[in-house]
Each structure stands twice: as C-alpha cells, then as structure tokens.
Amino acid sequence: MDTQNITIDLPKDILLTLNENESELRKQIKISLAIRLYRMQKITIGKAAQIAGLSRYDFEIVLSENEVPISTLTIEDIINDSQKLG
C-alpha cells in the first residue's frame, strides 16, 4: 500500500496524560479516523480497515465494539433493491 504521511501537532504531555506510548496513540488515532470517515460514508468499510491498519474482519469487530453498524444500508435501500429483483 502506498502511503501518505500527515503530521498533526499535539500537546507535549499528551502521551503522559493518556498513559500511552507513541505507537499506541498513532494506532488509536488511525482507528478513530477510520471509524469517523466510515460513519460519515466518506469511505468504504474496506478502505476504513486499510486506514486503521486492520483486516476487514478485525475492523468489523472494532466497529461492533464501538456500536457502529457494519452496513450503511437504510431500510429504503433494501426495499428499493428488493423491488428491482421482483
């Protein structure tokens, strides 16, 4: 996967405040960003998993743990799709 580095500025004491190391914080930020973009329907679940650095299956588990629906289909989408089939 080709990657893009993005730098963000955080308070110097953030790692101490959160009791995390830089690697843990980086992972949490990536997962949070992936969840946020997925919830906003800006990216697919596959792309979100890629951003989070997880397999799709593992990302689905993270979504479940955060009470985020795995499917973004609405009831209207399902009804429309079923009408197209019949």
PDB file of N, CA and C in Angstrom:
ATOM      1  N   MET A   1       0.839  -1.179   0.000  1.00  0.00           N
ATOM      2  CA  MET A   1       0.000   0.000   0.000  1.00  0.00           C
ATOM      3  C   MET A   1       0.880   1.237   0.000  1.00  0.00           C
ATOM      4  N   ASP A   2       0.611   2.118  -0.926  1.00  0.00           N
ATOM      5  CA  ASP A   2       1.312   3.395  -0.980  1.00  0.00           C
ATOM      6  C   ASP A   2       0.706   4.290   0.092  1.00  0.00           C
ATOM      7  N   THR A   3       1.534   4.990   0.847  1.00  0.00           N
ATOM      8  CA  THR A   3       1.020   5.774   1.970  1.00  0.00           C
ATOM      9  C   THR A   3       1.368   7.246   1.847  1.00  0.00           C
ATOM     10  N   GLN A   4       0.634   8.046   2.594  1.00  0.00           N
ATOM     11  CA  GLN A   4       0.852   9.483   2.691  1.00  0.00           C
ATOM     12  C   GLN A   4       1.035   9.815   4.157  1.00  0.00           C
ATOM     13  N   ASN A   5       2.087  10.522   4.499  1.00  0.00           N
ATOM     14  CA  ASN A   5       2.301  10.948   5.882  1.00  0.00           C
ATOM     15  C   ASN A   5       1.634  12.290   6.121  1.00  0.00           C
ATOM     16  N   ILE A   6       0.916  12.378   7.234  1.00  0.00           N
ATOM     17  CA  ILE A   6       0.283  13.621   7.648  1.00  0.00           C
ATOM     18  C   ILE A   6       0.719  13.875   9.084  1.00  0.00           C
ATOM     19  N   THR A   7       1.154  15.081   9.362  1.00  0.00           N
ATOM     20  CA  THR A   7       1.631  15.427  10.695  1.00  0.00           C
ATOM     21  C   THR A   7       0.584  16.269  11.405  1.00  0.00           C
ATOM     22  N   ILE A   8       0.336  15.947  12.677  1.00  0.00           N
ATOM     23  CA  ILE A   8      -0.546  16.768  13.496  1.00  0.00           C
ATOM     24  C   ILE A   8       0.205  17.162  14.760  1.00  0.00           C
ATOM     25  N   ASP A   9      -0.096  18.331  15.253  1.00  0.00           N
ATOM     26  CA  ASP A   9       0.539  18.818  16.473  1.00  0.00           C
ATOM     27  C   ASP A   9      -0.353  18.516  17.664  1.00  0.00           C
ATOM     28  N   LEU A  10       0.239  17.932  18.684  1.00  0.00           N
ATOM     29  CA  LEU A  10      -0.469  17.611  19.920  1.00  0.00           C
ATOM     30  C   LEU A  10       0.315  18.189  21.090  1.00  0.00           C
ATOM     31  N   PRO A  11      -0.347  18.419  22.224  1.00  0.00           N
ATOM     32  CA  PRO A  11       0.382  18.909  23.396  1.00  0.00           C
ATOM     33  C   PRO A  11       1.521  17.958  23.774  1.00  0.00           C
ATOM     34  N   LYS A  12       2.619  18.504  24.245  1.00  0.00           N
ATOM     35  CA  LYS A  12       3.789  17.700  24.587  1.00  0.00           C
ATOM     36  C   LYS A  12       3.496  16.598  25.588  1.00  0.00           C
ATOM     37  N   ASP A  13       2.582  16.862  26.516  1.00  0.00           N
ATOM     38  CA  ASP A  13       2.329  15.893  27.580  1.00  0.00           C
ATOM     39  C   ASP A  13       1.202  14.911  27.271  1.00  0.00           C
ATOM     40  N   ILE A  14       0.751  14.850  26.023  1.00  0.00           N
ATOM     41  CA  ILE A  14      -0.391  14.001  25.684  1.00  0.00           C
ATOM     42  C   ILE A  14      -0.117  12.522  25.964  1.00  0.00           C
ATOM     43  N   LEU A  15       1.081  12.051  25.680  1.00  0.00           N
ATOM     44  CA  LEU A  15       1.396  10.642  25.924  1.00  0.00           C
ATOM     45  C   LEU A  15       1.350  10.320  27.412  1.00  0.00           C
ATOM     46  N   LEU A  16       1.866  11.225  28.213  1.00  0.00           N
ATOM     47  CA  LEU A  16       1.836  11.044  29.660  1.00  0.00           C
ATOM     48  C   LEU A  16       0.395  11.117  30.172  1.00  0.00           C
ATOM     49  N   THR A  17      -0.356  12.071  29.661  1.00  0.00           N
ATOM     50  CA  THR A  17      -1.746  12.235  30.077  1.00  0.00           C
ATOM     51  C   THR A  17      -2.571  10.990  29.762  1.00  0.00           C
ATOM     52  N   LEU A  18      -2.361  10.432  28.581  1.00  0.00           N
ATOM     53  CA  LEU A  18      -3.121   9.261  28.154  1.00  0.00           C
ATOM     54  C   LEU A  18      -2.520   7.945  28.643  1.00  0.00           C
ATOM     55  N   ASN A  19      -1.316   8.022  29.196  1.00  0.00           N
ATOM     56  CA  ASN A  19      -0.596   6.826  29.647  1.00  0.00           C
ATOM     57  C   ASN A  19      -0.413   5.833  28.498  1.00  0.00           C
ATOM     58  N   GLU A  20       0.002   6.356  27.346  1.00  0.00           N
ATOM     59  CA  GLU A  20       0.234   5.544  26.161  1.00  0.00           C
ATOM     60  C   GLU A  20       1.577   5.921  25.564  1.00  0.00           C
ATOM     61  N   ASN A  21       2.096   5.002  24.750  1.00  0.00           N
ATOM     62  CA  ASN A  21       3.304   5.345  24.018  1.00  0.00           C
ATOM     63  C   ASN A  21       2.903   5.860  22.633  1.00  0.00           C
ATOM     64  N   GLU A  22       3.868   6.364  21.909  1.00  0.00           N
ATOM     65  CA  GLU A  22       3.580   6.983  20.608  1.00  0.00           C
ATOM     66  C   GLU A  22       2.933   6.001  19.641  1.00  0.00           C
ATOM     67  N   SER A  23       3.394   4.776  19.639  1.00  0.00           N
ATOM     68  CA  SER A  23       2.847   3.756  18.745  1.00  0.00           C
ATOM     69  C   SER A  23       1.378   3.470  19.054  1.00  0.00           C
ATOM     70  N   GLU A  24       1.049   3.351  20.335  1.00  0.00           N
ATOM     71  CA  GLU A  24      -0.341   3.105  20.735  1.00  0.00           C
ATOM     72  C   GLU A  24      -1.244   4.263  20.345  1.00  0.00           C
ATOM     73  N   LEU A  25      -0.774   5.480  20.573  1.00  0.00           N
ATOM     74  CA  LEU A  25      -1.560   6.657  20.227  1.00  0.00           C
ATOM     75  C   LEU A  25      -1.768   6.746  18.719  1.00  0.00           C
ATOM     76  N   ARG A  26      -0.726   6.487  17.957  1.00  0.00           N
ATOM     77  CA  ARG A  26      -0.826   6.519  16.493  1.00  0.00           C
ATOM     78  C   ARG A  26      -1.894   5.520  16.031  1.00  0.00           C
ATOM     79  N   LYS A  27      -1.879   4.317  16.599  1.00  0.00           N
ATOM     80  CA  LYS A  27      -2.847   3.286  16.227  1.00  0.00           C
ATOM     81  C   LYS A  27      -4.270   3.738  16.564  1.00  0.00           C
ATOM     82  N   GLN A  28      -4.463   4.319  17.763  1.00  0.00           N
ATOM     83  CA  GLN A  28      -5.784   4.790  18.173  1.00  0.00           C
ATOM     84  C   GLN A  28      -6.296   5.925  17.279  1.00  0.00           C
ATOM     85  N   ILE A  29      -5.404   6.815  16.885  1.00  0.00           N
ATOM     86  CA  ILE A  29      -5.792   7.920  16.001  1.00  0.00           C
ATOM     87  C   ILE A  29      -6.225   7.376  14.648  1.00  0.00           C
ATOM     88  N   LYS A  30      -5.481   6.417  14.115  1.00  0.00           N
ATOM     89  CA  LYS A  30      -5.825   5.833  12.817  1.00  0.00           C
ATOM     90  C   LYS A  30      -7.169   5.113  12.875  1.00  0.00           C
ATOM     91  N   ILE A  31      -7.413   4.372  13.942  1.00  0.00           N
ATOM     92  CA  ILE A  31      -8.683   3.665  14.085  1.00  0.00           C
ATOM     93  C   ILE A  31      -9.816   4.666  14.230  1.00  0.00           C
ATOM     94  N   SER A  32      -9.625   5.696  15.040  1.00  0.00           N
ATOM     95  CA  SER A  32     -10.662   6.720  15.228  1.00  0.00           C
ATOM     96  C   SER A  32     -10.979   7.436  13.920  1.00  0.00           C
ATOM     97  N   LEU A  33      -9.961   7.758  13.170  1.00  0.00           N
ATOM     98  CA  LEU A  33     -10.172   8.414  11.875  1.00  0.00           C
ATOM     99  C   LEU A  33     -10.933   7.496  10.931  1.00  0.00           C
ATOM    100  N   ALA A  34     -10.545   6.244  10.882  1.00  0.00           N
ATOM    101  CA  ALA A  34     -11.211   5.280  10.002  1.00  0.00           C
ATOM    102  C   ALA A  34     -12.686   5.134  10.368  1.00  0.00           C
ATOM    103  N   ILE A  35     -12.973   5.025  11.657  1.00  0.00           N
ATOM    104  CA  ILE A  35     -14.363   4.918  12.105  1.00  0.00           C
ATOM    105  C   ILE A  35     -15.139   6.167  11.713  1.00  0.00           C
ATOM    106  N   ARG A  36     -14.559   7.313  11.956  1.00  0.00           N
ATOM    107  CA  ARG A  36     -15.237   8.595  11.667  1.00  0.00           C
ATOM    108  C   ARG A  36     -15.554   8.728  10.174  1.00  0.00           C
ATOM    109  N   LEU A  37     -14.579   8.457   9.327  1.00  0.00           N
ATOM    110  CA  LEU A  37     -14.790   8.577   7.884  1.00  0.00           C
ATOM    111  C   LEU A  37     -15.807   7.557   7.383  1.00  0.00           C
ATOM    112  N   TYR A  38     -15.776   6.355   7.951  1.00  0.00           N
ATOM    113  CA  TYR A  38     -16.740   5.330   7.582  1.00  0.00           C
ATOM    114  C   TYR A  38     -18.150   5.739   7.995  1.00  0.00           C
ATOM    115  N   ARG A  39     -18.307   6.241   9.224  1.00  0.00           N
ATOM    116  CA  ARG A  39     -19.622   6.670   9.702  1.00  0.00           C
ATOM    117  C   ARG A  39     -20.185   7.804   8.857  1.00  0.00           C
ATOM    118  N   MET A  40     -19.298   8.663   8.365  1.00  0.00           N
ATOM    119  CA  MET A  40     -19.722   9.776   7.518  1.00  0.00           C
ATOM    120  C   MET A  40     -19.992   9.327   6.084  1.00  0.00           C
ATOM    121  N   GLN A  41     -19.756   8.048   5.810  1.00  0.00           N
ATOM    122  CA  GLN A  41     -19.912   7.448   4.483  1.00  0.00           C
ATOM    123  C   GLN A  41     -19.015   8.101   3.440  1.00  0.00           C
ATOM    124  N   LYS A  42     -17.839   8.540   3.906  1.00  0.00           N
ATOM    125  CA  LYS A  42     -16.837   9.120   3.002  1.00  0.00           C
ATOM    126  C   LYS A  42     -16.003   8.027   2.351  1.00  0.00           C
ATOM    127  N   ILE A  43     -15.880   6.870   3.050  1.00  0.00           N
ATOM    128  CA  ILE A  43     -15.066   5.764   2.556  1.00  0.00           C
ATOM    129  C   ILE A  43     -15.791   4.442   2.795  1.00  0.00           C
ATOM    130  N   THR A  44     -15.374   3.426   2.055  1.00  0.00           N
ATOM    131  CA  THR A  44     -15.945   2.094   2.226  1.00  0.00           C
ATOM    132  C   THR A  44     -15.372   1.431   3.466  1.00  0.00           C
ATOM    133  N   ILE A  45     -15.999   0.347   3.870  1.00  0.00           N
ATOM    134  CA  ILE A  45     -15.510  -0.393   5.029  1.00  0.00           C
ATOM    135  C   ILE A  45     -14.116  -0.963   4.751  1.00  0.00           C
ATOM    136  N   GLY A  46     -13.866  -1.363   3.511  1.00  0.00           N
ATOM    137  CA  GLY A  46     -12.550  -1.885   3.143  1.00  0.00           C
ATOM    138  C   GLY A  46     -11.460  -0.825   3.252  1.00  0.00           C
ATOM    139  N   LYS A  47     -11.754   0.371   2.774  1.00  0.00           N
ATOM    140  CA  LYS A  47     -10.792   1.469   2.855  1.00  0.00           C
ATOM    141  C   LYS A  47     -10.589   1.891   4.308  1.00  0.00           C
ATOM    142  N   ALA A  48     -11.662   1.877   5.086  1.00  0.00           N
ATOM    143  CA  ALA A  48     -11.549   2.214   6.506  1.00  0.00           C
ATOM    144  C   ALA A  48     -10.651   1.214   7.230  1.00  0.00           C
ATOM    145  N   ALA A  49     -10.822  -0.064   6.918  1.00  0.00           N
ATOM    146  CA  ALA A  49      -9.967  -1.095   7.525  1.00  0.00           C
ATOM    147  C   ALA A  49      -8.510  -0.856   7.152  1.00  0.00           C
ATOM    148  N   GLN A  50      -8.283  -0.479   5.912  1.00  0.00           N
ATOM    149  CA  GLN A  50      -6.926  -0.195   5.437  1.00  0.00           C
ATOM    150  C   GLN A  50      -6.326   0.981   6.206  1.00  0.00           C
ATOM    151  N   ILE A  51      -7.082   2.051   6.384  1.00  0.00           N
ATOM    152  CA  ILE A  51      -6.604   3.217   7.134  1.00  0.00           C
ATOM    153  C   ILE A  51      -6.294   2.824   8.574  1.00  0.00           C
ATOM    154  N   ALA A  52      -7.153   1.996   9.156  1.00  0.00           N
ATOM    155  CA  ALA A  52      -6.968   1.563  10.545  1.00  0.00           C
ATOM    156  C   ALA A  52      -5.804   0.592  10.695  1.00  0.00           C
ATOM    157  N   GLY A  53      -5.323   0.032   9.587  1.00  0.00           N
ATOM    158  CA  GLY A  53      -4.235  -0.937   9.648  1.00  0.00           C
ATOM    159  C   GLY A  53      -4.700  -2.294  10.141  1.00  0.00           C
ATOM    160  N   LEU A  54      -5.977  -2.614   9.864  1.00  0.00           N
ATOM    161  CA  LEU A  54      -6.565  -3.867  10.316  1.00  0.00           C
ATOM    162  C   LEU A  54      -7.128  -4.643   9.133  1.00  0.00           C
ATOM    163  N   SER A  55      -7.326  -5.942   9.336  1.00  0.00           N
ATOM    164  CA  SER A  55      -8.053  -6.706   8.328  1.00  0.00           C
ATOM    165  C   SER A  55      -9.504  -6.243   8.366  1.00  0.00           C
ATOM    166  N   ARG A  56     -10.229  -6.530   7.316  1.00  0.00           N
ATOM    167  CA  ARG A  56     -11.639  -6.121   7.302  1.00  0.00           C
ATOM    168  C   ARG A  56     -12.384  -6.776   8.466  1.00  0.00           C
ATOM    169  N   TYR A  57     -12.120  -8.053   8.700  1.00  0.00           N
ATOM    170  CA  TYR A  57     -12.770  -8.766   9.804  1.00  0.00           C
ATOM    171  C   TYR A  57     -12.476  -8.091  11.142  1.00  0.00           C
ATOM    172  N   ASP A  58     -11.200  -7.777  11.394  1.00  0.00           N
ATOM    173  CA  ASP A  58     -10.831  -7.121  12.656  1.00  0.00           C
ATOM    174  C   ASP A  58     -11.447  -5.730  12.762  1.00  0.00           C
ATOM    175  N   PHE A  59     -11.548  -5.023  11.643  1.00  0.00           N
ATOM    176  CA  PHE A  59     -12.160  -3.699  11.671  1.00  0.00           C
ATOM    177  C   PHE A  59     -13.654  -3.817  11.973  1.00  0.00           C
ATOM    178  N   GLU A  60     -14.306  -4.842  11.440  1.00  0.00           N
ATOM    179  CA  GLU A  60     -15.717  -5.056  11.743  1.00  0.00           C
ATOM    180  C   GLU A  60     -15.912  -5.311  13.237  1.00  0.00           C
ATOM    181  N   ILE A  61     -14.980  -6.009  13.857  1.00  0.00           N
ATOM    182  CA  ILE A  61     -15.040  -6.233  15.301  1.00  0.00           C
ATOM    183  C   ILE A  61     -14.918  -4.893  16.033  1.00  0.00           C
ATOM    184  N   VAL A  62     -13.988  -4.044  15.591  1.00  0.00           N
ATOM    185  CA  VAL A  62     -13.820  -2.715  16.206  1.00  0.00           C
ATOM    186  C   VAL A  62     -15.102  -1.899  16.041  1.00  0.00           C
ATOM    187  N   LEU A  63     -15.718  -1.968  14.872  1.00  0.00           N
ATOM    188  CA  LEU A  63     -16.976  -1.248  14.664  1.00  0.00           C
ATOM    189  C   LEU A  63     -18.033  -1.748  15.646  1.00  0.00           C
ATOM    190  N   SER A  64     -18.128  -3.050  15.785  1.00  0.00           N
ATOM    191  CA  SER A  64     -19.102  -3.639  16.702  1.00  0.00           C
ATOM    192  C   SER A  64     -18.840  -3.192  18.140  1.00  0.00           C
ATOM    193  N   GLU A  65     -17.587  -3.199  18.547  1.00  0.00           N
ATOM    194  CA  GLU A  65     -17.218  -2.768  19.901  1.00  0.00           C
ATOM    195  C   GLU A  65     -17.571  -1.303  20.150  1.00  0.00           C
ATOM    196  N   ASN A  66     -17.586  -0.521  19.070  1.00  0.00           N
ATOM    197  CA  ASN A  66     -17.908   0.909  19.175  1.00  0.00           C
ATOM    198  C   ASN A  66     -19.355   1.205  18.781  1.00  0.00           C
ATOM    199  N   GLU A  67     -20.145   0.140  18.686  1.00  0.00           N
ATOM    200  CA  GLU A  67     -21.567   0.254  18.356  1.00  0.00           C
ATOM    201  C   GLU A  67     -21.819   1.022  17.064  1.00  0.00           C
ATOM    202  N   VAL A  68     -20.987   0.742  16.060  1.00  0.00           N
ATOM    203  CA  VAL A  68     -21.136   1.337  14.736  1.00  0.00           C
ATOM    204  C   VAL A  68     -21.651   0.242  13.806  1.00  0.00           C
ATOM    205  N   PRO A  69     -22.765   0.472  13.122  1.00  0.00           N
ATOM    206  CA  PRO A  69     -23.303  -0.543  12.214  1.00  0.00           C
ATOM    207  C   PRO A  69     -22.302  -0.899  11.111  1.00  0.00           C
ATOM    208  N   ILE A  70     -22.235  -2.168  10.798  1.00  0.00           N
ATOM    209  CA  ILE A  70     -21.319  -2.624   9.749  1.00  0.00           C
ATOM    210  C   ILE A  70     -21.864  -2.248   8.380  1.00  0.00           C
ATOM    211  N   SER A  71     -23.163  -2.265   8.226  1.00  0.00           N
ATOM    212  CA  SER A  71     -23.795  -1.903   6.965  1.00  0.00           C
ATOM    213  C   SER A  71     -24.356  -0.493   7.061  1.00  0.00           C
ATOM    214  N   THR A  72     -24.220   0.250   5.987  1.00  0.00           N
ATOM    215  CA  THR A  72     -24.777   1.603   5.941  1.00  0.00           C
ATOM    216  C   THR A  72     -26.079   1.640   5.147  1.00  0.00           C
ATOM    217  N   LEU A  73     -26.589   0.454   4.785  1.00  0.00           N
ATOM    218  CA  LEU A  73     -27.846   0.396   4.042  1.00  0.00           C
ATOM    219  C   LEU A  73     -29.001   0.840   4.927  1.00  0.00           C
ATOM    220  N   THR A  74     -29.894   1.616   4.341  1.00  0.00           N
ATOM    221  CA  THR A  74     -31.105   2.014   5.052  1.00  0.00           C
ATOM    222  C   THR A  74     -32.214   1.040   4.663  1.00  0.00           C
ATOM    223  N   ILE A  75     -33.313   1.075   5.377  1.00  0.00           N
ATOM    224  CA  ILE A  75     -34.459   0.225   5.047  1.00  0.00           C
ATOM    225  C   ILE A  75     -34.982   0.566   3.657  1.00  0.00           C
ATOM    226  N   GLU A  76     -34.884   1.843   3.298  1.00  0.00           N
ATOM    227  CA  GLU A  76     -35.318   2.268   1.961  1.00  0.00           C
ATOM    228  C   GLU A  76     -34.434   1.641   0.880  1.00  0.00           C
ATOM    229  N   ASP A  77     -33.127   1.562   1.132  1.00  0.00           N
ATOM    230  CA  ASP A  77     -32.218   0.932   0.188  1.00  0.00           C
ATOM    231  C   ASP A  77     -32.599  -0.529  -0.017  1.00  0.00           C
ATOM    232  N   ILE A  78     -32.911  -1.210   1.065  1.00  0.00           N
ATOM    233  CA  ILE A  78     -33.265  -2.630   0.977  1.00  0.00           C
ATOM    234  C   ILE A  78     -34.576  -2.821   0.227  1.00  0.00           C
ATOM    235  N   ILE A  79     -35.557  -1.964   0.522  1.00  0.00           N
ATOM    236  CA  ILE A  79     -36.847  -2.061  -0.181  1.00  0.00           C
ATOM    237  C   ILE A  79     -36.667  -1.792  -1.669  1.00  0.00           C
ATOM    238  N   ASN A  80     -35.899  -0.752  -2.002  1.00  0.00           N
ATOM    239  CA  ASN A  80     -35.654  -0.442  -3.414  1.00  0.00           C
ATOM    240  C   ASN A  80     -34.949  -1.584  -4.128  1.00  0.00           C
ATOM    241  N   ASP A  81     -33.955  -2.170  -3.470  1.00  0.00           N
ATOM    242  CA  ASP A  81     -33.232  -3.295  -4.073  1.00  0.00           C
ATOM    243  C   ASP A  81     -34.145  -4.501  -4.260  1.00  0.00           C
ATOM    244  N   SER A  82     -35.000  -4.768  -3.279  1.00  0.00           N
ATOM    245  CA  SER A  82     -35.887  -5.929  -3.390  1.00  0.00           C
ATOM    246  C   SER A  82     -36.928  -5.708  -4.485  1.00  0.00           C
ATOM    247  N   GLN A  83     -37.361  -4.466  -4.679  1.00  0.00           N
ATOM    248  CA  GLN A  83     -38.330  -4.178  -5.757  1.00  0.00           C
ATOM    249  C   GLN A  83     -37.681  -4.354  -7.121  1.00  0.00           C
ATOM    250  N   LYS A  84     -36.402  -4.056  -7.234  1.00  0.00           N
ATOM    251  CA  LYS A  84     -35.699  -4.234  -8.507  1.00  0.00           C
ATOM    252  C   LYS A  84     -35.578  -5.705  -8.862  1.00  0.00           C
ATOM    253  N   LEU A  85     -35.516  -6.573  -7.847  1.00  0.00           N
ATOM    254  CA  LEU A  85     -35.381  -8.005  -8.080  1.00  0.00           C
ATOM    255  C   LEU A  85     -36.717  -8.645  -8.491  1.00  0.00           C
ATOM    256  N   GLY A  86     -37.800  -8.078  -8.033  1.00  0.00           N
ATOM    257  CA  GLY A  86     -39.114  -8.715  -8.264  1.00  0.00           C
ATOM    258  C   GLY A  86     -39.891  -7.988  -9.228  1.00  0.00           C
TER     259      GLY A  86
END
